[in-house]
Amino acid sequence: MYADQEKHDLDAQAKKDEDSTSADLTIQLALKRIKDRRQQEALYFRKYGRIEVHEWLLKDSIRNKAYREAILGNEVFRNKTVLDIGCGTGMLSIFAATAGASRVLAVDGSSIAEYTRKIVQDNGYSSVITVIRGKVEEIELPEDIRKVDIIVCDWMGHCLFSENMLDSLVFARDKWLCSGGLIFPDTAQLYLAAVEGWDQDMGFWHDVHGFNLGAIRRRCAAKAVVEHVPAKQMTSRVYLLKSLDLYTVRHYAAELRSFYELKVTRSGRVRALLAYFDVGFSKSRQRVSFSTSPCAPWTHWNQTVFYLEEPLPVLAGESIKGVFAMRPSKDSVFELEFDIYLDFEGKGKAVTNKQSFVLSNSLTLGE
């Protein structure tokens, strides 16, 4: 009897120790993820402190023209308080001030904010524009401002959702945007299409001085590629994967699982699928919008390309079907992960498979 009781007590203690160890490991893992996130954010903001990054953005004429046309001369800005999230060099803030805003709060977490203060002063807007350096999730607005009337934000990343900036906009909207307040831009759509793509010469990695470096080949093949794709490479109609209303979208909008069907428009070989996005400013005078489609003028976002393991021989009229799944990476704040399921029944070939991809932010990785 005593032996049974002693065994029971030992088992109970062992279970308690096991639970305690498991809890400790969970806490350690959570702390490591917090530390990793802070390191990633620090590197991200350090990269966006580089002047050449902002020079690249300012040279994107399509992007800048859209914001300029949506804001300048727009009466909704007159005598309003405006919040510019991720203001960079402050160009959108200056647009808002020029359009008649009474106060503009320009927020950026990188060191570029120090230059933005000088730019604001040099252009005579110091009495209107206040530059605040910090993450929008961590700052406080000036004491005399409780709410803002308008939020402007260039939140879009490659494949629309990379860099995770949409969550920052949603945070600011829920915390500070007044009832009936406006967002510029306020609509977005993500599309998928099939393209010819380019021949990916991955065979090199199979034999490098007599050694198999296939592990690198597999890593390269699993990377989503950001590149400019000529319109003539499009081989299908586009498919709408997701549509966003910035007034109602919630956190974690980057988590997506959508069926797709791509109607082939001309015969050939499909080597890749391609994602691009459009955005719109519904509160602008002429409903300004722009597209990052291969059929539209170039933007710095280019297109996001997912290369297939094997080319698909397709005929006009056939369909490529499947499921497109996307989610933020658990390991990196600014990366996206994808699972693309493909089901194709063509006259020349039948394919059913799944490929996984990662879209990395080259700025974060320092590439």
Protein backbone atom coordinates (compact mmCIF):
# COMPACT_ATOMS: atom_id res chain seq x y z
CA MET A 1 0.00 0.00 0.00
CA TYR A 2 2.77 2.42 1.00
CA ALA A 3 4.72 1.41 -2.13
CA ASP A 4 1.72 2.24 -4.30
CA GLN A 5 1.33 5.61 -2.59
CA GLU A 6 5.04 6.35 -2.99
CA LYS A 7 4.88 5.45 -6.70
CA HIS A 8 1.84 7.68 -7.10
CA ASP A 9 3.64 10.60 -5.41
CA LEU A 10 6.74 10.10 -7.58
CA ASP A 11 4.64 10.00 -10.73
CA ALA A 12 2.81 13.16 -9.69
CA GLN A 13 6.10 14.97 -8.98
CA ALA A 14 7.53 13.82 -12.32
CA LYS A 15 4.42 15.14 -14.09
CA LYS A 16 4.74 18.43 -12.22
CA ASP A 17 8.42 18.73 -13.15
CA GLU A 18 7.59 17.90 -16.78
CA ASP A 19 4.86 20.58 -16.89
CA SER A 20 7.22 23.09 -15.29
CA THR A 21 9.97 22.31 -17.83
CA SER A 22 7.48 22.62 -20.68
CA ALA A 23 6.27 25.97 -19.35
CA ASP A 24 9.86 27.21 -19.00
CA LEU A 25 10.62 26.21 -22.60
CA THR A 26 7.47 27.97 -23.79
CA ILE A 27 8.50 31.14 -21.96
CA GLN A 28 12.04 30.91 -23.32
CA LEU A 29 10.72 30.45 -26.87
CA ALA A 30 8.39 33.44 -26.47
CA LEU A 31 11.22 35.61 -25.13
CA LYS A 32 13.47 34.53 -28.01
CA ARG A 33 10.79 35.48 -30.54
CA ILE A 34 10.38 38.89 -28.90
CA LYS A 35 14.16 39.43 -29.02
CA ASP A 36 14.33 38.28 -32.65
CA ARG A 37 11.44 40.58 -33.57
CA ARG A 38 13.14 43.57 -31.95
CA GLN A 39 16.39 42.80 -33.76
CA GLN A 40 14.55 42.48 -37.08
CA GLU A 41 12.71 45.75 -36.51
CA ALA A 42 15.95 47.52 -35.60
CA LEU A 43 17.59 46.30 -38.81
CA TYR A 44 14.52 47.23 -40.83
CA PHE A 45 14.47 50.80 -39.53
CA ARG A 46 18.23 51.09 -39.95
CA LYS A 47 17.87 50.18 -43.62
CA TYR A 48 15.05 52.69 -44.09
CA GLY A 49 17.31 55.33 -42.64
CA ARG A 50 19.42 55.08 -45.80
CA ILE A 51 18.93 58.03 -48.15
CA GLU A 52 19.31 55.88 -51.27
CA VAL A 53 16.21 53.87 -50.28
CA HIS A 54 14.12 57.04 -50.22
CA GLU A 55 15.70 58.27 -53.42
CA TRP A 56 14.46 55.05 -55.03
CA LEU A 57 10.92 55.68 -53.74
CA LEU A 58 10.92 59.33 -54.82
CA LYS A 59 11.96 58.31 -58.34
CA ASP A 60 8.86 56.12 -58.68
CA SER A 61 6.84 58.60 -60.75
CA ILE A 62 3.65 56.49 -60.80
CA ARG A 63 3.54 56.19 -57.02
CA ASN A 64 4.27 59.86 -56.41
CA LYS A 65 1.89 61.12 -59.10
CA ALA A 66 -0.98 59.11 -57.60
CA TYR A 67 -0.48 60.49 -54.08
CA ARG A 68 0.05 64.02 -55.41
CA GLU A 69 -3.13 63.96 -57.52
CA ALA A 70 -5.14 62.40 -54.69
CA ILE A 71 -4.06 65.02 -52.12
CA LEU A 72 -3.18 68.33 -53.79
CA GLY A 73 -6.21 70.51 -54.43
CA ASN A 74 -8.47 68.11 -52.50
CA GLU A 75 -10.81 70.19 -50.32
CA VAL A 76 -11.20 67.37 -47.77
CA PHE A 77 -7.74 68.25 -46.42
CA ARG A 78 -8.55 71.89 -45.70
CA ASN A 79 -8.28 72.73 -41.97
CA LYS A 80 -7.94 69.03 -41.10
CA THR A 81 -5.51 67.16 -38.84
CA VAL A 82 -3.55 64.55 -40.82
CA LEU A 83 -1.45 61.59 -39.67
CA ASP A 84 1.26 60.39 -42.08
CA ILE A 85 2.42 56.88 -41.09
CA GLY A 86 5.90 55.90 -42.25
CA CYS A 87 6.46 59.41 -43.58
CA GLY A 88 9.98 58.86 -44.92
CA THR A 89 11.25 62.16 -46.34
CA GLY A 90 7.86 63.76 -45.62
CA MET A 91 6.64 64.23 -49.17
CA LEU A 92 3.07 63.09 -48.41
CA SER A 93 3.02 65.35 -45.36
CA ILE A 94 4.07 68.30 -47.50
CA PHE A 95 1.34 67.44 -50.00
CA ALA A 96 -1.21 67.46 -47.16
CA ALA A 97 0.07 70.78 -45.78
CA THR A 98 -0.02 72.30 -49.25
CA ALA A 99 -3.62 71.08 -49.63
CA GLY A 100 -4.58 73.16 -46.58
CA ALA A 101 -4.26 70.80 -43.59
CA SER A 102 -4.05 72.72 -40.31
CA ARG A 103 -1.85 70.11 -38.60
CA VAL A 104 0.17 67.22 -40.02
CA LEU A 105 1.83 64.61 -37.82
CA ALA A 106 4.63 62.89 -39.75
CA VAL A 107 5.68 59.63 -38.06
CA ASP A 108 8.66 57.43 -38.94
CA GLY A 109 10.67 54.93 -36.92
CA SER A 110 13.93 55.37 -38.84
CA SER A 111 16.68 57.96 -38.68
CA ILE A 112 15.39 59.53 -41.90
CA ALA A 113 13.06 61.49 -39.58
CA GLU A 114 16.01 63.74 -38.66
CA TYR A 115 16.33 64.76 -42.33
CA THR A 116 12.55 65.14 -42.59
CA ARG A 117 12.59 67.81 -39.87
CA LYS A 118 15.13 69.79 -41.91
CA ILE A 119 13.12 69.28 -45.11
CA VAL A 120 9.97 70.57 -43.40
CA GLN A 121 11.85 73.61 -42.10
CA ASP A 122 13.55 74.32 -45.44
CA ASN A 123 10.16 74.32 -47.19
CA GLY A 124 8.48 76.60 -44.66
CA TYR A 125 6.06 74.10 -43.10
CA SER A 126 7.38 73.97 -39.53
CA SER A 127 4.23 75.61 -38.17
CA VAL A 128 2.03 72.91 -39.74
CA ILE A 129 4.07 69.67 -39.83
CA THR A 130 5.31 67.99 -36.65
CA VAL A 131 7.81 65.18 -37.21
CA ILE A 132 7.68 62.36 -34.65
CA ARG A 133 10.36 59.67 -34.66
CA GLY A 134 9.17 56.29 -33.42
CA LYS A 135 6.99 53.28 -34.20
CA VAL A 136 3.38 54.29 -34.57
CA GLU A 137 2.45 51.57 -32.05
CA GLU A 138 4.68 53.18 -29.42
CA ILE A 139 4.34 56.95 -29.88
CA GLU A 140 1.95 59.41 -28.29
CA LEU A 141 0.34 62.25 -30.20
CA PRO A 142 0.82 65.85 -29.00
CA GLU A 143 -1.27 66.63 -25.92
CA ASP A 144 -3.61 68.94 -27.83
CA ILE A 145 -4.53 66.26 -30.38
CA ARG A 146 -6.78 63.35 -29.43
CA LYS A 147 -8.00 62.28 -32.89
CA VAL A 148 -7.00 62.82 -36.51
CA ASP A 149 -9.27 63.49 -39.47
CA ILE A 150 -7.19 61.82 -42.20
CA ILE A 151 -4.51 59.11 -42.37
CA VAL A 152 -2.12 58.98 -45.32
CA CYS A 153 0.18 56.01 -45.62
CA ASP A 154 2.29 54.26 -48.26
CA TRP A 155 1.78 50.88 -46.58
CA MET A 156 1.96 48.55 -49.58
CA GLY A 157 4.83 46.09 -49.91
CA HIS A 158 5.75 43.54 -52.53
CA CYS A 159 2.80 41.21 -53.14
CA LEU A 160 0.84 43.94 -51.32
CA PHE A 161 1.47 42.60 -47.81
CA SER A 162 5.25 42.26 -47.32
CA GLU A 163 6.88 44.39 -44.60
CA ASN A 164 3.76 44.05 -42.42
CA MET A 165 2.94 47.77 -42.52
CA LEU A 166 -0.79 47.29 -42.94
CA ASP A 167 -1.07 46.22 -39.31
CA SER A 168 0.47 49.57 -38.28
CA LEU A 169 -2.15 51.44 -40.29
CA VAL A 170 -4.96 49.38 -38.76
CA PHE A 171 -3.56 50.10 -35.28
CA ALA A 172 -3.47 53.85 -35.93
CA ARG A 173 -6.92 53.83 -37.53
CA ASP A 174 -8.52 52.09 -34.57
CA LYS A 175 -6.74 54.29 -32.02
CA TRP A 176 -6.79 57.77 -33.55
CA LEU A 177 -8.99 58.13 -36.65
CA CYS A 178 -12.14 60.06 -35.86
CA SER A 179 -15.62 58.89 -36.79
CA GLY A 180 -16.07 59.59 -40.48
CA GLY A 181 -12.33 60.07 -40.94
CA LEU A 182 -10.60 59.32 -44.25
CA ILE A 183 -7.72 57.08 -45.35
CA PHE A 184 -5.48 57.64 -48.39
CA PRO A 185 -5.37 55.19 -50.18
CA ASP A 186 -8.43 53.26 -49.00
CA THR A 187 -8.84 50.31 -51.39
CA ALA A 188 -6.53 47.56 -52.64
CA GLN A 189 -6.82 44.38 -54.70
CA LEU A 190 -4.39 41.47 -55.08
CA TYR A 191 -4.35 39.53 -58.37
CA LEU A 192 -2.81 36.33 -59.73
CA ALA A 193 -1.92 35.44 -63.34
CA ALA A 194 0.08 32.88 -65.32
CA VAL A 195 3.17 34.00 -67.26
CA GLU A 196 5.80 32.52 -69.51
CA GLY A 197 8.56 33.54 -67.12
CA TRP A 198 12.22 32.84 -67.72
CA ASP A 199 14.22 29.62 -67.81
CA GLN A 200 15.63 29.13 -64.31
CA ASP A 201 19.10 27.59 -64.64
CA MET A 202 19.14 25.63 -61.39
CA GLY A 203 21.13 22.68 -62.76
CA PHE A 204 24.39 24.45 -61.90
CA TRP A 205 23.95 23.55 -58.22
CA HIS A 206 23.86 19.79 -58.92
CA ASP A 207 27.53 19.69 -59.88
CA VAL A 208 29.86 22.38 -58.53
CA HIS A 209 33.44 21.16 -58.98
CA GLY A 210 32.12 17.62 -58.67
CA PHE A 211 30.01 18.25 -55.54
CA ASN A 212 26.23 18.35 -55.15
CA LEU A 213 24.99 21.69 -53.79
CA GLY A 214 21.36 20.74 -54.26
CA ALA A 215 20.45 22.19 -50.86
CA ILE A 216 21.14 25.68 -52.25
CA ARG A 217 19.19 24.89 -55.40
CA ARG A 218 16.18 23.90 -53.30
CA ARG A 219 16.44 27.11 -51.28
CA CYS A 220 16.67 29.23 -54.44
CA ALA A 221 13.72 27.44 -56.02
CA ALA A 222 11.60 28.16 -52.92
CA LYS A 223 12.12 31.92 -53.07
CA ALA A 224 9.44 34.14 -54.54
CA VAL A 225 11.19 36.55 -56.90
CA VAL A 226 10.48 40.27 -57.21
CA GLU A 227 11.15 41.30 -60.79
CA HIS A 228 9.72 43.23 -63.71
CA VAL A 229 7.73 41.02 -66.08
CA PRO A 230 6.94 42.37 -69.57
CA ALA A 231 3.26 42.44 -70.45
CA LYS A 232 3.88 40.20 -73.48
CA GLN A 233 4.67 37.32 -71.10
CA MET A 234 1.12 37.20 -69.71
CA THR A 235 -0.55 33.96 -70.78
CA SER A 236 -3.83 34.07 -68.83
CA ARG A 237 -6.57 36.29 -67.59
CA VAL A 238 -6.01 37.62 -64.09
CA TYR A 239 -7.83 36.30 -61.02
CA LEU A 240 -8.81 38.46 -58.02
CA LEU A 241 -7.41 36.83 -54.87
CA LYS A 242 -8.36 39.46 -52.31
CA SER A 243 -9.99 42.89 -52.10
CA LEU A 244 -9.41 45.26 -49.18
CA ASP A 245 -11.45 48.11 -47.74
CA LEU A 246 -9.06 50.02 -45.47
CA TYR A 247 -11.95 51.30 -43.34
CA THR A 248 -12.95 47.79 -42.27
CA VAL A 249 -9.92 45.54 -42.77
CA ARG A 250 -8.69 43.88 -39.58
CA HIS A 251 -5.30 42.76 -38.31
CA TYR A 252 -3.70 39.71 -39.96
CA ALA A 253 -5.22 40.53 -43.36
CA ALA A 254 -2.12 38.97 -44.90
CA GLU A 255 -3.45 35.54 -43.93
CA LEU A 256 -5.14 34.39 -47.10
CA ARG A 257 -6.40 31.17 -48.62
CA SER A 258 -8.15 31.54 -51.96
CA PHE A 259 -9.21 29.29 -54.81
CA TYR A 260 -8.05 30.51 -58.21
CA GLU A 261 -8.77 29.69 -61.84
CA LEU A 262 -6.55 31.13 -64.56
CA LYS A 263 -8.07 31.03 -68.05
CA VAL A 264 -5.25 30.57 -70.58
CA THR A 265 -5.44 33.19 -73.34
CA ARG A 266 -2.70 31.90 -75.63
CA SER A 267 -0.84 28.67 -76.20
CA GLY A 268 2.72 28.28 -74.93
CA ARG A 269 4.62 27.28 -71.82
CA VAL A 270 3.77 28.60 -68.36
CA ARG A 271 6.86 28.70 -66.16
CA ALA A 272 5.50 30.82 -63.34
CA LEU A 273 2.54 32.41 -61.60
CA LEU A 274 2.63 36.12 -60.88
CA ALA A 275 1.03 38.34 -58.23
CA TYR A 276 0.46 42.10 -58.45
CA PHE A 277 -1.82 44.65 -56.83
CA ASP A 278 -3.87 47.78 -57.51
CA VAL A 279 -4.68 50.55 -55.02
CA GLY A 280 -7.28 53.32 -55.11
CA PHE A 281 -8.08 56.67 -53.49
CA SER A 282 -11.88 56.76 -53.46
CA LYS A 283 -11.99 60.16 -51.69
CA SER A 284 -9.91 61.89 -54.33
CA ARG A 285 -11.53 64.27 -56.79
CA GLN A 286 -11.05 62.00 -59.80
CA ARG A 287 -10.91 58.63 -57.98
CA VAL A 288 -7.17 58.27 -58.48
CA SER A 289 -5.72 54.75 -58.66
CA PHE A 290 -2.65 52.94 -59.91
CA SER A 291 -1.67 49.38 -60.76
CA THR A 292 1.50 47.32 -60.44
CA SER A 293 0.37 45.04 -63.27
CA PRO A 294 2.85 44.08 -66.01
CA CYS A 295 0.42 45.87 -68.36
CA ALA A 296 0.76 49.16 -66.42
CA PRO A 297 3.71 51.57 -66.25
CA TRP A 298 6.63 50.46 -64.08
CA THR A 299 6.64 50.95 -60.31
CA HIS A 300 9.29 50.06 -57.75
CA TRP A 301 7.06 47.24 -56.50
CA ASN A 302 7.49 45.33 -59.79
CA GLN A 303 5.68 41.97 -59.63
CA THR A 304 6.10 38.92 -57.38
CA VAL A 305 6.88 35.77 -59.36
CA PHE A 306 6.48 32.13 -58.25
CA TYR A 307 8.45 29.81 -60.53
CA LEU A 308 7.00 26.34 -61.13
CA GLU A 309 9.09 23.20 -60.73
CA GLU A 310 8.23 22.16 -64.30
CA PRO A 311 6.85 24.30 -67.15
CA LEU A 312 3.26 23.67 -68.15
CA PRO A 313 2.50 23.27 -71.87
CA VAL A 314 -0.83 25.07 -72.22
CA LEU A 315 -3.34 25.71 -74.98
CA ALA A 316 -5.62 28.72 -75.28
CA GLY A 317 -8.90 28.01 -73.54
CA GLU A 318 -7.48 25.62 -70.92
CA SER A 319 -7.57 26.48 -67.20
CA ILE A 320 -5.00 26.34 -64.43
CA LYS A 321 -6.78 25.86 -61.13
CA GLY A 322 -5.66 25.59 -57.53
CA VAL A 323 -5.43 27.23 -54.12
CA PHE A 324 -3.24 30.20 -53.21
CA ALA A 325 -2.35 30.36 -49.50
CA MET A 326 -0.35 33.18 -47.91
CA ARG A 327 0.62 34.00 -44.32
CA PRO A 328 3.13 36.11 -42.41
CA SER A 329 6.28 34.18 -41.49
CA LYS A 330 6.57 32.98 -37.89
CA ASP A 331 10.33 33.48 -38.00
CA SER A 332 10.56 36.91 -39.61
CA VAL A 333 8.34 39.93 -39.07
CA PHE A 334 8.75 41.14 -42.63
CA GLU A 335 8.60 37.90 -44.65
CA LEU A 336 5.65 36.16 -46.25
CA GLU A 337 5.21 32.42 -46.73
CA PHE A 338 3.15 30.82 -49.50
CA ASP A 339 1.71 27.43 -50.37
CA ILE A 340 0.51 27.24 -53.96
CA TYR A 341 -1.57 24.21 -54.92
CA LEU A 342 -1.85 23.59 -58.63
CA ASP A 343 -4.25 21.38 -60.55
CA PHE A 344 -3.91 21.33 -64.33
CA GLU A 345 -5.52 18.97 -66.81
CA GLY A 346 -4.20 19.90 -70.23
CA LYS A 347 -3.95 18.06 -73.51
CA GLY A 348 -0.16 18.11 -73.32
CA LYS A 349 0.28 17.45 -69.61
CA ALA A 350 -1.60 16.82 -66.35
CA VAL A 351 -0.10 18.16 -63.10
CA THR A 352 -1.28 18.17 -59.50
CA ASN A 353 1.20 19.42 -56.92
CA LYS A 354 2.03 21.88 -54.16
CA GLN A 355 4.97 24.29 -53.96
CA SER A 356 6.00 26.42 -50.99
CA PHE A 357 7.69 29.81 -51.26
CA VAL A 358 9.15 32.53 -49.06
CA LEU A 359 9.15 36.21 -49.98
CA SER A 360 12.00 37.96 -48.21
CA ASN A 361 12.46 41.68 -47.79
CA SER A 362 15.84 42.41 -49.41
CA LEU A 363 16.13 45.60 -47.36
CA THR A 364 15.79 43.65 -44.12
CA LEU A 365 18.29 41.02 -45.17
CA GLY A 366 20.74 43.61 -46.40
CA GLU A 367 20.91 42.07 -49.85
